[in-house]
Amino acid sequence: MFFYLEVSFNSEVEPLNSEVEPLKEEVEPLNSEVEPLNSEVAPLNSEVAPLNSEVEPLNSEVAPLNSEVAPLNSELQDQKFKTRNF
């Protein structure tokens, strides 16, 4: 019975392998372009991480203000529309 399961599994995997191989050929050249960029980005990530920790608390302060400003923006747009149509 174990042999049957293995054969069944292989018969499902083989068609997928034939789909994956061409994709690998497309991806490999892209990897060679991305790898140098990764080495440029890594130091930037270490610079950004501390800034994120500063921004997070500010986001929680700004969120309630956004909900107050949204209706005001809508009113302002309505007023602009009305004055434009006169």
PDB file of N, CA and C in Angstrom:
ATOM      1  N   MET A   1       0.817  -1.187   0.000  1.00  0.00           N
ATOM      2  CA  MET A   1       0.000   0.000   0.000  1.00  0.00           C
ATOM      3  C   MET A   1       0.864   1.255   0.000  1.00  0.00           C
ATOM      4  N   PHE A   2       1.956   1.258   0.703  1.00  0.00           N
ATOM      5  CA  PHE A   2       2.840   2.423   0.719  1.00  0.00           C
ATOM      6  C   PHE A   2       3.360   2.713  -0.676  1.00  0.00           C
ATOM      7  N   PHE A   3       3.687   1.679  -1.403  1.00  0.00           N
ATOM      8  CA  PHE A   3       4.174   1.865  -2.765  1.00  0.00           C
ATOM      9  C   PHE A   3       3.115   2.516  -3.636  1.00  0.00           C
ATOM     10  N   TYR A   4       1.882   2.139  -3.472  1.00  0.00           N
ATOM     11  CA  TYR A   4       0.792   2.726  -4.245  1.00  0.00           C
ATOM     12  C   TYR A   4       0.688   4.225  -3.965  1.00  0.00           C
ATOM     13  N   LEU A   5       0.767   4.623  -2.713  1.00  0.00           N
ATOM     14  CA  LEU A   5       0.694   6.031  -2.356  1.00  0.00           C
ATOM     15  C   LEU A   5       1.842   6.815  -2.983  1.00  0.00           C
ATOM     16  N   GLU A   6       3.011   6.237  -2.970  1.00  0.00           N
ATOM     17  CA  GLU A   6       4.173   6.918  -3.545  1.00  0.00           C
ATOM     18  C   GLU A   6       3.990   7.104  -5.048  1.00  0.00           C
ATOM     19  N   VAL A   7       3.507   6.114  -5.737  1.00  0.00           N
ATOM     20  CA  VAL A   7       3.272   6.211  -7.171  1.00  0.00           C
ATOM     21  C   VAL A   7       2.189   7.244  -7.454  1.00  0.00           C
ATOM     22  N   SER A   8       1.153   7.226  -6.663  1.00  0.00           N
ATOM     23  CA  SER A   8       0.073   8.187  -6.844  1.00  0.00           C
ATOM     24  C   SER A   8       0.597   9.605  -6.650  1.00  0.00           C
ATOM     25  N   PHE A   9       1.388   9.805  -5.630  1.00  0.00           N
ATOM     26  CA  PHE A   9       1.952  11.114  -5.360  1.00  0.00           C
ATOM     27  C   PHE A   9       2.843  11.564  -6.514  1.00  0.00           C
ATOM     28  N   ASN A  10       3.693  10.676  -6.984  1.00  0.00           N
ATOM     29  CA  ASN A  10       4.581  11.010  -8.097  1.00  0.00           C
ATOM     30  C   ASN A  10       3.799  11.374  -9.354  1.00  0.00           C
ATOM     31  N   SER A  11       2.707  10.706  -9.593  1.00  0.00           N
ATOM     32  CA  SER A  11       1.930  11.008 -10.796  1.00  0.00           C
ATOM     33  C   SER A  11       1.285  12.388 -10.698  1.00  0.00           C
ATOM     34  N   GLU A  12       1.055  12.875  -9.479  1.00  0.00           N
ATOM     35  CA  GLU A  12       0.516  14.226  -9.309  1.00  0.00           C
ATOM     36  C   GLU A  12       1.615  15.277  -9.384  1.00  0.00           C
ATOM     37  N   VAL A  13       2.795  14.923  -8.930  1.00  0.00           N
ATOM     38  CA  VAL A  13       3.895  15.889  -8.853  1.00  0.00           C
ATOM     39  C   VAL A  13       4.567  16.090 -10.206  1.00  0.00           C
ATOM     40  N   GLU A  14       4.713  15.071 -10.973  1.00  0.00           N
ATOM     41  CA  GLU A  14       5.428  15.170 -12.250  1.00  0.00           C
ATOM     42  C   GLU A  14       4.873  16.265 -13.164  1.00  0.00           C
ATOM     43  N   PRO A  15       3.549  16.347 -13.371  1.00  0.00           N
ATOM     44  CA  PRO A  15       3.042  17.434 -14.222  1.00  0.00           C
ATOM     45  C   PRO A  15       3.363  18.818 -13.651  1.00  0.00           C
ATOM     46  N   LEU A  16       3.351  18.918 -12.328  1.00  0.00           N
ATOM     47  CA  LEU A  16       3.684  20.201 -11.709  1.00  0.00           C
ATOM     48  C   LEU A  16       5.141  20.559 -11.938  1.00  0.00           C
ATOM     49  N   ASN A  17       6.007  19.572 -11.883  1.00  0.00           N
ATOM     50  CA  ASN A  17       7.426  19.828 -12.144  1.00  0.00           C
ATOM     51  C   ASN A  17       7.634  20.395 -13.539  1.00  0.00           C
ATOM     52  N   SER A  18       6.894  19.883 -14.505  1.00  0.00           N
ATOM     53  CA  SER A  18       7.054  20.390 -15.870  1.00  0.00           C
ATOM     54  C   SER A  18       6.570  21.836 -15.987  1.00  0.00           C
ATOM     55  N   GLU A  19       5.669  22.258 -15.113  1.00  0.00           N
ATOM     56  CA  GLU A  19       5.243  23.656 -15.106  1.00  0.00           C
ATOM     57  C   GLU A  19       6.268  24.538 -14.388  1.00  0.00           C
ATOM     58  N   VAL A  20       6.908  23.976 -13.384  1.00  0.00           N
ATOM     59  CA  VAL A  20       7.832  24.752 -12.556  1.00  0.00           C
ATOM     60  C   VAL A  20       9.160  25.000 -13.269  1.00  0.00           C
ATOM     61  N   GLU A  21       9.636  24.067 -14.023  1.00  0.00           N
ATOM     62  CA  GLU A  21      10.948  24.206 -14.667  1.00  0.00           C
ATOM     63  C   GLU A  21      11.065  25.469 -15.521  1.00  0.00           C
ATOM     64  N   PRO A  22      10.103  25.759 -16.406  1.00  0.00           N
ATOM     65  CA  PRO A  22      10.220  27.000 -17.191  1.00  0.00           C
ATOM     66  C   PRO A  22      10.199  28.252 -16.303  1.00  0.00           C
ATOM     67  N   LEU A  23       9.436  28.180 -15.218  1.00  0.00           N
ATOM     68  CA  LEU A  23       9.392  29.323 -14.307  1.00  0.00           C
ATOM     69  C   LEU A  23      10.747  29.536 -13.638  1.00  0.00           C
ATOM     70  N   LYS A  24      11.406  28.459 -13.291  1.00  0.00           N
ATOM     71  CA  LYS A  24      12.747  28.563 -12.698  1.00  0.00           C
ATOM     72  C   LYS A  24      13.686  29.276 -13.661  1.00  0.00           C
ATOM     73  N   GLU A  25      13.586  28.942 -14.934  1.00  0.00           N
ATOM     74  CA  GLU A  25      14.449  29.572 -15.933  1.00  0.00           C
ATOM     75  C   GLU A  25      14.190  31.069 -16.038  1.00  0.00           C
ATOM     76  N   GLU A  26      12.935  31.478 -15.832  1.00  0.00           N
ATOM     77  CA  GLU A  26      12.613  32.902 -15.857  1.00  0.00           C
ATOM     78  C   GLU A  26      13.109  33.612 -14.607  1.00  0.00           C
ATOM     79  N   VAL A  27      13.043  32.934 -13.477  1.00  0.00           N
ATOM     80  CA  VAL A  27      13.365  33.552 -12.195  1.00  0.00           C
ATOM     81  C   VAL A  27      14.870  33.676 -11.978  1.00  0.00           C
ATOM     82  N   GLU A  28      15.647  32.726 -12.421  1.00  0.00           N
ATOM     83  CA  GLU A  28      17.078  32.738 -12.139  1.00  0.00           C
ATOM     84  C   GLU A  28      17.767  34.026 -12.593  1.00  0.00           C
ATOM     85  N   PRO A  29      17.514  34.543 -13.800  1.00  0.00           N
ATOM     86  CA  PRO A  29      18.152  35.812 -14.172  1.00  0.00           C
ATOM     87  C   PRO A  29      17.689  36.974 -13.286  1.00  0.00           C
ATOM     88  N   LEU A  30      16.445  36.939 -12.880  1.00  0.00           N
ATOM     89  CA  LEU A  30      15.931  37.994 -12.002  1.00  0.00           C
ATOM     90  C   LEU A  30      16.620  37.938 -10.643  1.00  0.00           C
ATOM     91  N   ASN A  31      16.890  36.749 -10.155  1.00  0.00           N
ATOM     92  CA  ASN A  31      17.600  36.616  -8.885  1.00  0.00           C
ATOM     93  C   ASN A  31      18.959  37.298  -8.940  1.00  0.00           C
ATOM     94  N   SER A  32      19.641  37.171 -10.068  1.00  0.00           N
ATOM     95  CA  SER A  32      20.957  37.791 -10.166  1.00  0.00           C
ATOM     96  C   SER A  32      20.862  39.312 -10.174  1.00  0.00           C
ATOM     97  N   GLU A  33      19.717  39.851 -10.603  1.00  0.00           N
ATOM     98  CA  GLU A  33      19.511  41.295 -10.541  1.00  0.00           C
ATOM     99  C   GLU A  33      19.126  41.736  -9.127  1.00  0.00           C
ATOM    100  N   VAL A  34      18.363  40.908  -8.435  1.00  0.00           N
ATOM    101  CA  VAL A  34      17.840  41.272  -7.122  1.00  0.00           C
ATOM    102  C   VAL A  34      18.903  41.154  -6.029  1.00  0.00           C
ATOM    103  N   GLU A  35      19.766  40.172  -6.116  1.00  0.00           N
ATOM    104  CA  GLU A  35      20.741  39.942  -5.047  1.00  0.00           C
ATOM    105  C   GLU A  35      21.588  41.175  -4.745  1.00  0.00           C
ATOM    106  N   PRO A  36      22.130  41.888  -5.751  1.00  0.00           N
ATOM    107  CA  PRO A  36      22.892  43.105  -5.414  1.00  0.00           C
ATOM    108  C   PRO A  36      22.019  44.173  -4.757  1.00  0.00           C
ATOM    109  N   LEU A  37      20.762  44.249  -5.171  1.00  0.00           N
ATOM    110  CA  LEU A  37      19.855  45.225  -4.563  1.00  0.00           C
ATOM    111  C   LEU A  37      19.592  44.888  -3.101  1.00  0.00           C
ATOM    112  N   ASN A  38      19.496  43.617  -2.792  1.00  0.00           N
ATOM    113  CA  ASN A  38      19.305  43.213  -1.397  1.00  0.00           C
ATOM    114  C   ASN A  38      20.441  43.715  -0.521  1.00  0.00           C
ATOM    115  N   SER A  39      21.659  43.658  -1.034  1.00  0.00           N
ATOM    116  CA  SER A  39      22.786  44.129  -0.222  1.00  0.00           C
ATOM    117  C   SER A  39      22.759  45.641  -0.044  1.00  0.00           C
ATOM    118  N   GLU A  40      22.134  46.357  -0.973  1.00  0.00           N
ATOM    119  CA  GLU A  40      21.975  47.803  -0.807  1.00  0.00           C
ATOM    120  C   GLU A  40      20.856  48.123   0.178  1.00  0.00           C
ATOM    121  N   VAL A  41      19.813  47.317   0.170  1.00  0.00           N
ATOM    122  CA  VAL A  41      18.641  47.579   0.998  1.00  0.00           C
ATOM    123  C   VAL A  41      18.892  47.219   2.464  1.00  0.00           C
ATOM    124  N   ALA A  42      19.670  46.204   2.719  1.00  0.00           N
ATOM    125  CA  ALA A  42      19.864  45.733   4.094  1.00  0.00           C
ATOM    126  C   ALA A  42      20.315  46.844   5.037  1.00  0.00           C
ATOM    127  N   PRO A  43      21.309  47.652   4.676  1.00  0.00           N
ATOM    128  CA  PRO A  43      21.696  48.735   5.598  1.00  0.00           C
ATOM    129  C   PRO A  43      20.583  49.771   5.788  1.00  0.00           C
ATOM    130  N   LEU A  44      19.815  50.011   4.745  1.00  0.00           N
ATOM    131  CA  LEU A  44      18.712  50.963   4.858  1.00  0.00           C
ATOM    132  C   LEU A  44      17.654  50.456   5.834  1.00  0.00           C
ATOM    133  N   ASN A  45      17.413  49.154   5.812  1.00  0.00           N
ATOM    134  CA  ASN A  45      16.446  48.582   6.752  1.00  0.00           C
ATOM    135  C   ASN A  45      16.859  48.853   8.188  1.00  0.00           C
ATOM    136  N   SER A  46      18.157  48.751   8.465  1.00  0.00           N
ATOM    137  CA  SER A  46      18.599  48.996   9.845  1.00  0.00           C
ATOM    138  C   SER A  46      18.464  50.469  10.221  1.00  0.00           C
ATOM    139  N   GLU A  47      18.484  51.366   9.232  1.00  0.00           N
ATOM    140  CA  GLU A  47      18.250  52.780   9.512  1.00  0.00           C
ATOM    141  C   GLU A  47      16.758  53.054   9.727  1.00  0.00           C
ATOM    142  N   VAL A  48      15.913  52.356   8.997  1.00  0.00           N
ATOM    143  CA  VAL A  48      14.477  52.600   9.057  1.00  0.00           C
ATOM    144  C   VAL A  48      13.857  52.026  10.326  1.00  0.00           C
ATOM    145  N   ALA A  49      14.359  50.922  10.807  1.00  0.00           N
ATOM    146  CA  ALA A  49      13.750  50.253  11.960  1.00  0.00           C
ATOM    147  C   ALA A  49      13.567  51.193  13.157  1.00  0.00           C
ATOM    148  N   PRO A  50      14.586  51.958  13.555  1.00  0.00           N
ATOM    149  CA  PRO A  50      14.371  52.869  14.691  1.00  0.00           C
ATOM    150  C   PRO A  50      13.331  53.950  14.383  1.00  0.00           C
ATOM    151  N   LEU A  51      13.288  54.399  13.133  1.00  0.00           N
ATOM    152  CA  LEU A  51      12.305  55.415  12.759  1.00  0.00           C
ATOM    153  C   LEU A  51      10.887  54.862  12.868  1.00  0.00           C
ATOM    154  N   ASN A  52      10.724  53.591  12.504  1.00  0.00           N
ATOM    155  CA  ASN A  52       9.404  52.966  12.632  1.00  0.00           C
ATOM    156  C   ASN A  52       8.929  52.998  14.074  1.00  0.00           C
ATOM    157  N   SER A  53       9.836  52.739  14.996  1.00  0.00           N
ATOM    158  CA  SER A  53       9.420  52.735  16.402  1.00  0.00           C
ATOM    159  C   SER A  53       9.045  54.135  16.875  1.00  0.00           C
ATOM    160  N   GLU A  54       9.574  55.166  16.237  1.00  0.00           N
ATOM    161  CA  GLU A  54       9.168  56.536  16.565  1.00  0.00           C
ATOM    162  C   GLU A  54       7.810  56.872  15.933  1.00  0.00           C
ATOM    163  N   VAL A  55       7.567  56.354  14.750  1.00  0.00           N
ATOM    164  CA  VAL A  55       6.351  56.677  14.009  1.00  0.00           C
ATOM    165  C   VAL A  55       5.129  55.955  14.566  1.00  0.00           C
ATOM    166  N   GLU A  56       5.302  54.744  15.032  1.00  0.00           N
ATOM    167  CA  GLU A  56       4.164  53.952  15.514  1.00  0.00           C
ATOM    168  C   GLU A  56       3.311  54.707  16.529  1.00  0.00           C
ATOM    169  N   PRO A  57       3.895  55.301  17.578  1.00  0.00           N
ATOM    170  CA  PRO A  57       3.043  56.030  18.536  1.00  0.00           C
ATOM    171  C   PRO A  57       2.336  57.224  17.890  1.00  0.00           C
ATOM    172  N   LEU A  58       2.996  57.870  16.956  1.00  0.00           N
ATOM    173  CA  LEU A  58       2.378  59.008  16.271  1.00  0.00           C
ATOM    174  C   LEU A  58       1.168  58.564  15.456  1.00  0.00           C
ATOM    175  N   ASN A  59       1.266  57.399  14.835  1.00  0.00           N
ATOM    176  CA  ASN A  59       0.129  56.872  14.074  1.00  0.00           C
ATOM    177  C   ASN A  59      -1.097  56.721  14.964  1.00  0.00           C
ATOM    178  N   SER A  60      -0.893  56.242  16.169  1.00  0.00           N
ATOM    179  CA  SER A  60      -2.044  56.060  17.057  1.00  0.00           C
ATOM    180  C   SER A  60      -2.624  57.402  17.495  1.00  0.00           C
ATOM    181  N   GLU A  61      -1.816  58.450  17.506  1.00  0.00           N
ATOM    182  CA  GLU A  61      -2.341  59.779  17.816  1.00  0.00           C
ATOM    183  C   GLU A  61      -3.086  60.378  16.615  1.00  0.00           C
ATOM    184  N   VAL A  62      -2.605  60.097  15.435  1.00  0.00           N
ATOM    185  CA  VAL A  62      -3.169  60.683  14.226  1.00  0.00           C
ATOM    186  C   VAL A  62      -4.483  60.010  13.827  1.00  0.00           C
ATOM    187  N   ALA A  63      -4.615  58.742  14.061  1.00  0.00           N
ATOM    188  CA  ALA A  63      -5.802  58.006  13.621  1.00  0.00           C
ATOM    189  C   ALA A  63      -7.104  58.656  14.081  1.00  0.00           C
ATOM    190  N   PRO A  64      -7.247  59.011  15.366  1.00  0.00           N
ATOM    191  CA  PRO A  64      -8.504  59.657  15.761  1.00  0.00           C
ATOM    192  C   PRO A  64      -8.713  61.008  15.072  1.00  0.00           C
ATOM    193  N   LEU A  65      -7.637  61.725  14.828  1.00  0.00           N
ATOM    194  CA  LEU A  65      -7.745  63.015  14.153  1.00  0.00           C
ATOM    195  C   LEU A  65      -8.238  62.838  12.722  1.00  0.00           C
ATOM    196  N   ASN A  66      -7.791  61.788  12.068  1.00  0.00           N
ATOM    197  CA  ASN A  66      -8.254  61.517  10.696  1.00  0.00           C
ATOM    198  C   ASN A  66      -9.770  61.354  10.655  1.00  0.00           C
ATOM    199  N   SER A  67     -10.312  60.682  11.645  1.00  0.00           N
ATOM    200  CA  SER A  67     -11.766  60.487  11.650  1.00  0.00           C
ATOM    201  C   SER A  67     -12.502  61.805  11.888  1.00  0.00           C
ATOM    202  N   GLU A  68     -11.857  62.753  12.550  1.00  0.00           N
ATOM    203  CA  GLU A  68     -12.472  64.073  12.727  1.00  0.00           C
ATOM    204  C   GLU A  68     -12.347  64.915  11.453  1.00  0.00           C
ATOM    205  N   VAL A  69     -11.248  64.764  10.753  1.00  0.00           N
ATOM    206  CA  VAL A  69     -10.974  65.589   9.580  1.00  0.00           C
ATOM    207  C   VAL A  69     -11.772  65.124   8.360  1.00  0.00           C
ATOM    208  N   ALA A  70     -12.018  63.860   8.241  1.00  0.00           N
ATOM    209  CA  ALA A  70     -12.700  63.335   7.058  1.00  0.00           C
ATOM    210  C   ALA A  70     -14.036  64.028   6.787  1.00  0.00           C
ATOM    211  N   PRO A  71     -14.917  64.176   7.784  1.00  0.00           N
ATOM    212  CA  PRO A  71     -16.175  64.876   7.488  1.00  0.00           C
ATOM    213  C   PRO A  71     -15.954  66.348   7.092  1.00  0.00           C
ATOM    214  N   LEU A  72     -14.948  66.970   7.696  1.00  0.00           N
ATOM    215  CA  LEU A  72     -14.660  68.363   7.349  1.00  0.00           C
ATOM    216  C   LEU A  72     -14.192  68.472   5.900  1.00  0.00           C
ATOM    217  N   ASN A  73     -13.371  67.533   5.473  1.00  0.00           N
ATOM    218  CA  ASN A  73     -12.929  67.523   4.074  1.00  0.00           C
ATOM    219  C   ASN A  73     -14.113  67.354   3.134  1.00  0.00           C
ATOM    220  N   SER A  74     -15.035  66.497   3.520  1.00  0.00           N
ATOM    221  CA  SER A  74     -16.220  66.277   2.702  1.00  0.00           C
ATOM    222  C   SER A  74     -17.043  67.554   2.599  1.00  0.00           C
ATOM    223  N   GLU A  75     -17.220  68.244   3.710  1.00  0.00           N
ATOM    224  CA  GLU A  75     -17.960  69.511   3.693  1.00  0.00           C
ATOM    225  C   GLU A  75     -17.264  70.533   2.815  1.00  0.00           C
ATOM    226  N   LEU A  76     -15.947  70.600   2.919  1.00  0.00           N
ATOM    227  CA  LEU A  76     -15.172  71.550   2.124  1.00  0.00           C
ATOM    228  C   LEU A  76     -15.330  71.262   0.634  1.00  0.00           C
ATOM    229  N   GLN A  77     -15.278  70.000   0.259  1.00  0.00           N
ATOM    230  CA  GLN A  77     -15.458  69.628  -1.143  1.00  0.00           C
ATOM    231  C   GLN A  77     -16.846  70.032  -1.630  1.00  0.00           C
ATOM    232  N   ASP A  78     -17.849  69.819  -0.778  1.00  0.00           N
ATOM    233  CA  ASP A  78     -19.218  70.219  -1.140  1.00  0.00           C
ATOM    234  C   ASP A  78     -19.297  71.723  -1.372  1.00  0.00           C
ATOM    235  N   GLN A  79     -18.657  72.495  -0.496  1.00  0.00           N
ATOM    236  CA  GLN A  79     -18.674  73.949  -0.630  1.00  0.00           C
ATOM    237  C   GLN A  79     -17.958  74.393  -1.900  1.00  0.00           C
ATOM    238  N   LYS A  80     -16.829  73.767  -2.194  1.00  0.00           N
ATOM    239  CA  LYS A  80     -16.101  74.097  -3.422  1.00  0.00           C
ATOM    240  C   LYS A  80     -16.971  73.815  -4.651  1.00  0.00           C
ATOM    241  N   PHE A  81     -17.663  72.684  -4.623  1.00  0.00           N
ATOM    242  CA  PHE A  81     -18.527  72.318  -5.743  1.00  0.00           C
ATOM    243  C   PHE A  81     -19.643  73.344  -5.921  1.00  0.00           C
ATOM    244  N   LYS A  82     -20.260  73.746  -4.803  1.00  0.00           N
ATOM    245  CA  LYS A  82     -21.373  74.698  -4.863  1.00  0.00           C
ATOM    246  C   LYS A  82     -20.899  76.049  -5.379  1.00  0.00           C
ATOM    247  N   THR A  83     -19.737  76.511  -4.905  1.00  0.00           N
ATOM    248  CA  THR A  83     -19.249  77.830  -5.345  1.00  0.00           C
ATOM    249  C   THR A  83     -18.800  77.788  -6.800  1.00  0.00           C
ATOM    250  N   ARG A  84     -18.326  76.675  -7.263  1.00  0.00           N
ATOM    251  CA  ARG A  84     -17.891  76.539  -8.637  1.00  0.00           C
ATOM    252  C   ARG A  84     -19.066  76.572  -9.606  1.00  0.00           C
ATOM    253  N   ASN A  85     -20.211  76.109  -9.150  1.00  0.00           N
ATOM    254  CA  ASN A  85     -21.380  76.014 -10.025  1.00  0.00           C
ATOM    255  C   ASN A  85     -22.187  77.305 -10.096  1.00  0.00           C
ATOM    256  N   PHE A  86     -21.760  78.336  -9.380  1.00  0.00           N
ATOM    257  CA  PHE A  86     -22.491  79.605  -9.459  1.00  0.00           C
ATOM    258  C   PHE A  86     -21.950  80.499 -10.525  1.00  0.00           C
TER     259      PHE A  86
END
